[in-house]
Amino acid sequence: MAEELSRSGLFAADDHSLAVDLAWEAEEDKKTYKIALLIALIFHIILIWVNIPDFGNKNFVEEKKDEKIMRRVVLRPPPEQQMKQLQLKKKMQKVPVPDPTPDKPEPIVPIETSDNEAFNPDDDYIIGVPDAPPAPTGPIRDGTVGLERPVYNLNQLQQNVVYPELGKKAGLQGYVILEVVLKKDGRVGNVRVIGGPLRALGFPEAAIRAVKKMRFTPGKLRGQPVDVILTLTVTFKLRR
């Protein structure tokens, strides 16, 4: 190749050694490439034909579990004596017997009396009368069934009213509604205002004082005096 290059005149005489070196290196590269290709081919053939151990798949030996032996237990029947006792108990159950003669009246059984106590048919006997209920302990509201209302005089109540000075100066008129407890001993118990337009200027206090002075007869329930809760209206009216 070097001779051909020199003949063609592409290289000068001084360049003869350089061309030879290049040609030699090209030949060496071809040989090296062929050798590497041959080695790679041989290596692939070895990989195909040689069995490489598979480290990824591990064969684990399963441990045999101890199998529990299941034994069948046969229950024996109870003795014959116990079976007979159970049958007798079932047979000896009490069954109510219906009355064979429901239309006939029951026989009259005479009352047995002792020698000391003689039965007298003329005596009076109270049968089936319940005892009277106990008397109530707390106050009873007006309108309760069987209640005898307390007796009082409304005119006398109005005479006890003293007109408050502030209300008189303001010229106010109206009424006050009170809830009053009239006790069974004739005294006035708790009093509280529950309604009415006059709620200030001394009207509630004047109404309470008037009620405290009233006289009355206590109410009764089943003949017994009781405390009674009722409503009273005290009227305030200016005199002209």
C-alpha atoms as a PDB file:
ATOM      1  CA  MET A   1       0.000   0.000   0.000  1.00  0.00           C
ATOM      2  CA  ALA A   2       2.865   2.342   0.743  1.00  0.00           C
ATOM      3  CA  GLU A   3       4.317   1.684  -2.700  1.00  0.00           C
ATOM      4  CA  GLU A   4       0.991   2.475  -4.350  1.00  0.00           C
ATOM      5  CA  LEU A   5       0.734   5.703  -2.406  1.00  0.00           C
ATOM      6  CA  SER A   6       4.242   6.705  -3.385  1.00  0.00           C
ATOM      7  CA  ARG A   7       3.557   5.871  -7.063  1.00  0.00           C
ATOM      8  CA  SER A   8       0.417   7.943  -7.117  1.00  0.00           C
ATOM      9  CA  GLY A   9       2.460  10.909  -5.926  1.00  0.00           C
ATOM     10  CA  LEU A  10       0.200  11.642  -2.979  1.00  0.00           C
ATOM     11  CA  PHE A  11       3.075  11.330  -0.525  1.00  0.00           C
ATOM     12  CA  ALA A  12       6.571  12.612  -0.860  1.00  0.00           C
ATOM     13  CA  ALA A  13       9.725  10.623  -0.249  1.00  0.00           C
ATOM     14  CA  ASP A  14       9.960  11.999   3.218  1.00  0.00           C
ATOM     15  CA  ASP A  15       6.493  10.827   3.988  1.00  0.00           C
ATOM     16  CA  HIS A  16       7.209   7.206   3.159  1.00  0.00           C
ATOM     17  CA  SER A  17       7.740   6.143   6.751  1.00  0.00           C
ATOM     18  CA  LEU A  18       4.457   7.813   7.910  1.00  0.00           C
ATOM     19  CA  ALA A  19       2.374   6.025   5.300  1.00  0.00           C
ATOM     20  CA  VAL A  20       3.910   2.718   6.235  1.00  0.00           C
ATOM     21  CA  ASP A  21       3.094   3.280   9.884  1.00  0.00           C
ATOM     22  CA  LEU A  22      -0.496   4.145   9.118  1.00  0.00           C
ATOM     23  CA  ALA A  23      -0.960   1.084   6.969  1.00  0.00           C
ATOM     24  CA  TRP A  24       0.588  -1.101   9.620  1.00  0.00           C
ATOM     25  CA  GLU A  25      -1.690   0.299  12.344  1.00  0.00           C
ATOM     26  CA  ALA A  26      -4.725  -0.319  10.131  1.00  0.00           C
ATOM     27  CA  GLU A  27      -3.757  -3.922   9.676  1.00  0.00           C
ATOM     28  CA  GLU A  28      -3.198  -4.329  13.404  1.00  0.00           C
ATOM     29  CA  ASP A  29      -6.625  -2.826  14.159  1.00  0.00           C
ATOM     30  CA  LYS A  30      -8.292  -5.288  11.799  1.00  0.00           C
ATOM     31  CA  LYS A  31      -6.577  -8.207  13.508  1.00  0.00           C
ATOM     32  CA  THR A  32      -7.528  -6.917  16.966  1.00  0.00           C
ATOM     33  CA  TYR A  33     -11.165  -6.448  15.874  1.00  0.00           C
ATOM     34  CA  LYS A  34     -11.333  -9.978  14.479  1.00  0.00           C
ATOM     35  CA  ILE A  35      -9.837 -11.452  17.649  1.00  0.00           C
ATOM     36  CA  ALA A  36     -12.287  -9.507  19.884  1.00  0.00           C
ATOM     37  CA  LEU A  37     -15.218 -10.608  17.721  1.00  0.00           C
ATOM     38  CA  LEU A  38     -14.102 -14.230  17.940  1.00  0.00           C
ATOM     39  CA  ILE A  39     -13.725 -14.041  21.732  1.00  0.00           C
ATOM     40  CA  ALA A  40     -17.205 -12.511  22.105  1.00  0.00           C
ATOM     41  CA  LEU A  41     -18.727 -15.217  19.936  1.00  0.00           C
ATOM     42  CA  ILE A  42     -17.062 -17.959  21.954  1.00  0.00           C
ATOM     43  CA  PHE A  43     -18.250 -16.343  25.219  1.00  0.00           C
ATOM     44  CA  HIS A  44     -21.887 -16.210  24.030  1.00  0.00           C
ATOM     45  CA  ILE A  45     -21.744 -19.843  22.977  1.00  0.00           C
ATOM     46  CA  ILE A  46     -20.455 -20.756  26.441  1.00  0.00           C
ATOM     47  CA  LEU A  47     -23.300 -18.773  28.079  1.00  0.00           C
ATOM     48  CA  ILE A  48     -25.879 -20.589  25.969  1.00  0.00           C
ATOM     49  CA  TRP A  49     -24.619 -24.128  26.583  1.00  0.00           C
ATOM     50  CA  VAL A  50     -23.461 -23.868  30.204  1.00  0.00           C
ATOM     51  CA  ASN A  51     -26.184 -24.043  32.942  1.00  0.00           C
ATOM     52  CA  ILE A  52     -25.752 -21.148  35.354  1.00  0.00           C
ATOM     53  CA  PRO A  53     -27.184 -21.844  38.836  1.00  0.00           C
ATOM     54  CA  ASP A  54     -30.295 -19.808  39.637  1.00  0.00           C
ATOM     55  CA  PHE A  55     -29.662 -18.056  42.927  1.00  0.00           C
ATOM     56  CA  GLY A  56     -32.967 -16.148  42.810  1.00  0.00           C
ATOM     57  CA  ASN A  57     -35.264 -19.129  43.164  1.00  0.00           C
ATOM     58  CA  LYS A  58     -34.569 -20.941  46.390  1.00  0.00           C
ATOM     59  CA  ASN A  59     -36.250 -24.187  47.106  1.00  0.00           C
ATOM     60  CA  PHE A  60     -37.452 -24.174  50.645  1.00  0.00           C
ATOM     61  CA  VAL A  61     -38.217 -27.377  52.345  1.00  0.00           C
ATOM     62  CA  GLU A  62     -41.576 -27.112  54.027  1.00  0.00           C
ATOM     63  CA  GLU A  63     -41.567 -28.274  57.555  1.00  0.00           C
ATOM     64  CA  LYS A  64     -44.043 -30.916  58.255  1.00  0.00           C
ATOM     65  CA  LYS A  65     -46.536 -29.805  60.855  1.00  0.00           C
ATOM     66  CA  ASP A  66     -47.428 -32.101  63.610  1.00  0.00           C
ATOM     67  CA  GLU A  67     -50.853 -33.401  62.787  1.00  0.00           C
ATOM     68  CA  LYS A  68     -53.093 -33.680  65.812  1.00  0.00           C
ATOM     69  CA  ILE A  69     -54.866 -36.941  66.071  1.00  0.00           C
ATOM     70  CA  MET A  70     -58.590 -36.365  66.445  1.00  0.00           C
ATOM     71  CA  ARG A  71     -60.213 -38.917  68.644  1.00  0.00           C
ATOM     72  CA  ARG A  72     -63.921 -39.543  68.481  1.00  0.00           C
ATOM     73  CA  VAL A  73     -65.606 -39.555  71.869  1.00  0.00           C
ATOM     74  CA  VAL A  74     -68.755 -41.612  72.141  1.00  0.00           C
ATOM     75  CA  LEU A  75     -71.186 -40.425  74.832  1.00  0.00           C
ATOM     76  CA  ARG A  76     -72.759 -43.201  76.770  1.00  0.00           C
ATOM     77  CA  PRO A  77     -76.468 -43.062  77.551  1.00  0.00           C
ATOM     78  CA  PRO A  78     -77.503 -42.573  81.198  1.00  0.00           C
ATOM     79  CA  PRO A  79     -78.300 -45.608  83.297  1.00  0.00           C
ATOM     80  CA  GLU A  80     -81.737 -47.159  83.000  1.00  0.00           C
ATOM     81  CA  GLN A  81     -82.745 -46.078  86.515  1.00  0.00           C
ATOM     82  CA  GLN A  82     -82.235 -42.405  85.723  1.00  0.00           C
ATOM     83  CA  MET A  83     -84.208 -42.776  82.498  1.00  0.00           C
ATOM     84  CA  LYS A  84     -87.098 -44.348  84.409  1.00  0.00           C
ATOM     85  CA  GLN A  85     -87.075 -41.536  86.994  1.00  0.00           C
ATOM     86  CA  LEU A  86     -87.223 -38.932  84.241  1.00  0.00           C
ATOM     87  CA  GLN A  87     -90.149 -40.711  82.592  1.00  0.00           C
ATOM     88  CA  LEU A  88     -91.988 -40.932  85.918  1.00  0.00           C
ATOM     89  CA  LYS A  89     -91.518 -37.203  86.551  1.00  0.00           C
ATOM     90  CA  LYS A  90     -92.956 -36.375  83.167  1.00  0.00           C
ATOM     91  CA  LYS A  91     -95.935 -38.669  83.681  1.00  0.00           C
ATOM     92  CA  MET A  92     -96.689 -37.333  87.209  1.00  0.00           C
ATOM     93  CA  GLN A  93     -97.236 -33.706  86.191  1.00  0.00           C
ATOM     94  CA  LYS A  94    -100.359 -32.145  87.728  1.00  0.00           C
ATOM     95  CA  VAL A  95    -103.039 -31.228  85.220  1.00  0.00           C
ATOM     96  CA  PRO A  96    -105.919 -28.990  86.372  1.00  0.00           C
ATOM     97  CA  VAL A  97    -109.217 -30.809  86.159  1.00  0.00           C
ATOM     98  CA  PRO A  98    -112.148 -28.681  84.939  1.00  0.00           C
ATOM     99  CA  ASP A  99    -115.258 -28.420  87.050  1.00  0.00           C
ATOM    100  CA  PRO A 100    -117.660 -31.124  85.817  1.00  0.00           C
ATOM    101  CA  THR A 101    -120.687 -29.104  86.944  1.00  0.00           C
ATOM    102  CA  PRO A 102    -119.997 -25.410  86.246  1.00  0.00           C
ATOM    103  CA  ASP A 103    -123.712 -24.505  86.218  1.00  0.00           C
ATOM    104  CA  LYS A 104    -124.377 -25.837  89.697  1.00  0.00           C
ATOM    105  CA  PRO A 105    -123.816 -23.492  92.657  1.00  0.00           C
ATOM    106  CA  GLU A 106    -121.017 -24.116  95.077  1.00  0.00           C
ATOM    107  CA  PRO A 107    -122.040 -25.972  98.222  1.00  0.00           C
ATOM    108  CA  ILE A 108    -122.542 -23.869 101.346  1.00  0.00           C
ATOM    109  CA  VAL A 109    -119.929 -24.688 103.950  1.00  0.00           C
ATOM    110  CA  PRO A 110    -120.991 -23.839 107.505  1.00  0.00           C
ATOM    111  CA  ILE A 111    -118.755 -21.467 109.439  1.00  0.00           C
ATOM    112  CA  GLU A 112    -116.967 -23.192 112.269  1.00  0.00           C
ATOM    113  CA  THR A 113    -117.227 -21.313 115.545  1.00  0.00           C
ATOM    114  CA  SER A 114    -115.733 -22.036 118.891  1.00  0.00           C
ATOM    115  CA  ASP A 115    -117.806 -22.849 121.920  1.00  0.00           C
ATOM    116  CA  ASN A 116    -117.115 -19.469 123.510  1.00  0.00           C
ATOM    117  CA  GLU A 117    -118.207 -17.432 120.469  1.00  0.00           C
ATOM    118  CA  ALA A 118    -121.730 -18.072 119.343  1.00  0.00           C
ATOM    119  CA  PHE A 119    -122.811 -16.838 115.905  1.00  0.00           C
ATOM    120  CA  ASN A 120    -125.751 -14.446 116.066  1.00  0.00           C
ATOM    121  CA  PRO A 121    -127.379 -13.756 112.664  1.00  0.00           C
ATOM    122  CA  ASP A 122    -128.985 -10.558 113.996  1.00  0.00           C
ATOM    123  CA  ASP A 123    -125.619  -8.871 114.537  1.00  0.00           C
ATOM    124  CA  ASP A 124    -124.563  -6.220 112.031  1.00  0.00           C
ATOM    125  CA  TYR A 125    -121.446  -6.978 109.989  1.00  0.00           C
ATOM    126  CA  ILE A 126    -119.765  -4.457 107.717  1.00  0.00           C
ATOM    127  CA  ILE A 127    -118.166  -6.325 104.836  1.00  0.00           C
ATOM    128  CA  GLY A 128    -116.099  -4.855 101.989  1.00  0.00           C
ATOM    129  CA  VAL A 129    -116.021  -1.231 103.188  1.00  0.00           C
ATOM    130  CA  PRO A 130    -112.489   0.192 102.735  1.00  0.00           C
ATOM    131  CA  ASP A 131    -110.814   2.385 105.288  1.00  0.00           C
ATOM    132  CA  ALA A 132    -111.047   6.119 104.788  1.00  0.00           C
ATOM    133  CA  PRO A 133    -108.010   7.638 103.018  1.00  0.00           C
ATOM    134  CA  PRO A 134    -105.629   9.588 105.223  1.00  0.00           C
ATOM    135  CA  ALA A 135    -106.168  13.304 105.569  1.00  0.00           C
ATOM    136  CA  PRO A 136    -103.944  15.441 103.321  1.00  0.00           C
ATOM    137  CA  THR A 137    -100.910  16.999 104.963  1.00  0.00           C
ATOM    138  CA  GLY A 138    -100.195  19.870 102.553  1.00  0.00           C
ATOM    139  CA  PRO A 139    -102.351  22.743 101.270  1.00  0.00           C
ATOM    140  CA  ILE A 140    -105.085  21.867  98.752  1.00  0.00           C
ATOM    141  CA  ARG A 141    -105.951  23.969  95.736  1.00  0.00           C
ATOM    142  CA  ASP A 142    -109.319  25.583  95.420  1.00  0.00           C
ATOM    143  CA  GLY A 143    -111.636  23.503  93.220  1.00  0.00           C
ATOM    144  CA  THR A 144    -110.541  20.079  94.501  1.00  0.00           C
ATOM    145  CA  VAL A 145    -113.370  17.523  94.479  1.00  0.00           C
ATOM    146  CA  GLY A 146    -115.066  17.286  97.888  1.00  0.00           C
ATOM    147  CA  LEU A 147    -113.494  20.474  99.225  1.00  0.00           C
ATOM    148  CA  GLU A 148    -115.588  22.893 101.274  1.00  0.00           C
ATOM    149  CA  ARG A 149    -114.229  26.333 100.318  1.00  0.00           C
ATOM    150  CA  PRO A 150    -113.144  28.768 103.048  1.00  0.00           C
ATOM    151  CA  VAL A 151    -115.738  31.403 103.941  1.00  0.00           C
ATOM    152  CA  TYR A 152    -114.625  35.056 103.872  1.00  0.00           C
ATOM    153  CA  ASN A 153    -116.082  38.527 103.220  1.00  0.00           C
ATOM    154  CA  LEU A 154    -114.780  40.456 100.194  1.00  0.00           C
ATOM    155  CA  ASN A 155    -116.236  43.716 101.459  1.00  0.00           C
ATOM    156  CA  GLN A 156    -114.338  43.303 104.696  1.00  0.00           C
ATOM    157  CA  LEU A 157    -111.174  42.625 102.642  1.00  0.00           C
ATOM    158  CA  GLN A 158    -111.643  45.854 100.670  1.00  0.00           C
ATOM    159  CA  GLN A 159    -112.124  47.801 103.891  1.00  0.00           C
ATOM    160  CA  ASN A 160    -108.650  46.703 104.959  1.00  0.00           C
ATOM    161  CA  VAL A 161    -107.083  48.279 101.841  1.00  0.00           C
ATOM    162  CA  VAL A 162    -104.956  51.386 102.490  1.00  0.00           C
ATOM    163  CA  TYR A 163    -104.294  53.333  99.264  1.00  0.00           C
ATOM    164  CA  PRO A 164    -100.533  53.913  98.788  1.00  0.00           C
ATOM    165  CA  GLU A 165     -99.500  57.588  98.751  1.00  0.00           C
ATOM    166  CA  LEU A 166     -97.387  57.315  95.595  1.00  0.00           C
ATOM    167  CA  GLY A 167    -100.215  55.634  93.727  1.00  0.00           C
ATOM    168  CA  LYS A 168    -102.694  58.251  94.947  1.00  0.00           C
ATOM    169  CA  LYS A 169    -100.446  61.118  93.799  1.00  0.00           C
ATOM    170  CA  ALA A 170    -100.004  59.432  90.420  1.00  0.00           C
ATOM    171  CA  GLY A 171    -103.773  58.941  90.169  1.00  0.00           C
ATOM    172  CA  LEU A 172    -103.458  55.222  89.306  1.00  0.00           C
ATOM    173  CA  GLN A 173    -106.330  52.780  89.710  1.00  0.00           C
ATOM    174  CA  GLY A 174    -106.569  49.045  89.090  1.00  0.00           C
ATOM    175  CA  TYR A 175    -106.158  45.756  90.889  1.00  0.00           C
ATOM    176  CA  VAL A 176    -103.602  43.232  92.154  1.00  0.00           C
ATOM    177  CA  ILE A 177    -104.091  39.450  91.905  1.00  0.00           C
ATOM    178  CA  LEU A 178    -102.699  37.427  94.811  1.00  0.00           C
ATOM    179  CA  GLU A 179    -102.242  33.719  95.533  1.00  0.00           C
ATOM    180  CA  VAL A 180    -103.086  33.177  99.199  1.00  0.00           C
ATOM    181  CA  VAL A 181    -102.897  30.180 101.543  1.00  0.00           C
ATOM    182  CA  LEU A 182    -105.754  30.201 104.070  1.00  0.00           C
ATOM    183  CA  LYS A 183    -104.603  27.879 106.806  1.00  0.00           C
ATOM    184  CA  LYS A 184    -106.812  25.466 108.759  1.00  0.00           C
ATOM    185  CA  ASP A 185    -106.100  27.273 112.042  1.00  0.00           C
ATOM    186  CA  GLY A 186    -107.718  30.525 110.753  1.00  0.00           C
ATOM    187  CA  ARG A 187    -104.483  32.346 109.904  1.00  0.00           C
ATOM    188  CA  VAL A 188    -103.270  33.639 106.532  1.00  0.00           C
ATOM    189  CA  GLY A 189    -100.215  31.795 105.245  1.00  0.00           C
ATOM    190  CA  ASN A 190     -97.995  32.575 102.267  1.00  0.00           C
ATOM    191  CA  VAL A 191     -99.090  35.392  99.938  1.00  0.00           C
ATOM    192  CA  ARG A 192     -97.540  36.216  96.554  1.00  0.00           C
ATOM    193  CA  VAL A 193     -98.398  38.463  93.619  1.00  0.00           C
ATOM    194  CA  ILE A 194     -99.312  36.557  90.454  1.00  0.00           C
ATOM    195  CA  GLY A 195    -100.940  39.232  88.237  1.00  0.00           C
ATOM    196  CA  GLY A 196    -102.651  42.574  87.783  1.00  0.00           C
ATOM    197  CA  PRO A 197    -101.648  45.880  86.170  1.00  0.00           C
ATOM    198  CA  LEU A 198    -100.498  47.528  89.434  1.00  0.00           C
ATOM    199  CA  ARG A 199     -97.001  46.145  90.044  1.00  0.00           C
ATOM    200  CA  ALA A 200     -95.247  49.216  91.532  1.00  0.00           C
ATOM    201  CA  LEU A 201     -95.684  52.412  93.591  1.00  0.00           C
ATOM    202  CA  GLY A 202     -96.586  50.392  96.705  1.00  0.00           C
ATOM    203  CA  PHE A 203     -99.728  48.661  95.348  1.00  0.00           C
ATOM    204  CA  PRO A 204     -98.488  45.018  95.811  1.00  0.00           C
ATOM    205  CA  GLU A 205     -97.425  45.725  99.406  1.00  0.00           C
ATOM    206  CA  ALA A 206    -100.743  47.398 100.246  1.00  0.00           C
ATOM    207  CA  ALA A 207    -102.687  44.423  98.811  1.00  0.00           C
ATOM    208  CA  ILE A 208    -100.656  41.911 100.846  1.00  0.00           C
ATOM    209  CA  ARG A 209    -101.208  43.895 104.050  1.00  0.00           C
ATOM    210  CA  ALA A 210    -104.963  43.981 103.413  1.00  0.00           C
ATOM    211  CA  VAL A 211    -105.125  40.202 102.903  1.00  0.00           C
ATOM    212  CA  LYS A 212    -103.102  39.559 106.078  1.00  0.00           C
ATOM    213  CA  LYS A 213    -105.822  41.364 108.107  1.00  0.00           C
ATOM    214  CA  MET A 214    -108.797  39.376 106.715  1.00  0.00           C
ATOM    215  CA  ARG A 215    -110.857  36.944 108.789  1.00  0.00           C
ATOM    216  CA  PHE A 216    -112.261  33.690 107.384  1.00  0.00           C
ATOM    217  CA  THR A 217    -113.575  30.226 108.193  1.00  0.00           C
ATOM    218  CA  PRO A 218    -111.105  27.446 107.173  1.00  0.00           C
ATOM    219  CA  GLY A 219    -112.005  25.035 104.411  1.00  0.00           C
ATOM    220  CA  LYS A 220    -112.733  21.352 105.023  1.00  0.00           C
ATOM    221  CA  LEU A 221    -112.118  18.089 103.173  1.00  0.00           C
ATOM    222  CA  ARG A 222    -114.060  15.008 104.331  1.00  0.00           C
ATOM    223  CA  GLY A 223    -115.028  16.924 107.440  1.00  0.00           C
ATOM    224  CA  GLN A 224    -111.453  17.805 108.424  1.00  0.00           C
ATOM    225  CA  PRO A 225    -110.041  21.386 108.306  1.00  0.00           C
ATOM    226  CA  VAL A 226    -107.309  21.801 105.694  1.00  0.00           C
ATOM    227  CA  ASP A 227    -105.059  24.496 104.272  1.00  0.00           C
ATOM    228  CA  VAL A 228    -106.467  25.860 101.016  1.00  0.00           C
ATOM    229  CA  ILE A 229    -104.680  27.706  98.200  1.00  0.00           C
ATOM    230  CA  LEU A 230    -106.897  30.192  96.398  1.00  0.00           C
ATOM    231  CA  THR A 231    -106.729  33.382  94.328  1.00  0.00           C
ATOM    232  CA  LEU A 232    -107.897  36.783  95.600  1.00  0.00           C
ATOM    233  CA  THR A 233    -108.205  40.097  93.741  1.00  0.00           C
ATOM    234  CA  VAL A 234    -107.635  43.337  95.643  1.00  0.00           C
ATOM    235  CA  THR A 235    -109.062  46.421  93.877  1.00  0.00           C
ATOM    236  CA  PHE A 236    -107.685  49.958  94.192  1.00  0.00           C
ATOM    237  CA  LYS A 237    -110.125  52.742  93.282  1.00  0.00           C
ATOM    238  CA  LEU A 238    -109.843  56.423  94.119  1.00  0.00           C
ATOM    239  CA  ARG A 239    -112.791  58.063  95.889  1.00  0.00           C
ATOM    240  CA  ARG A 240    -114.096  61.317  94.422  1.00  0.00           C
END
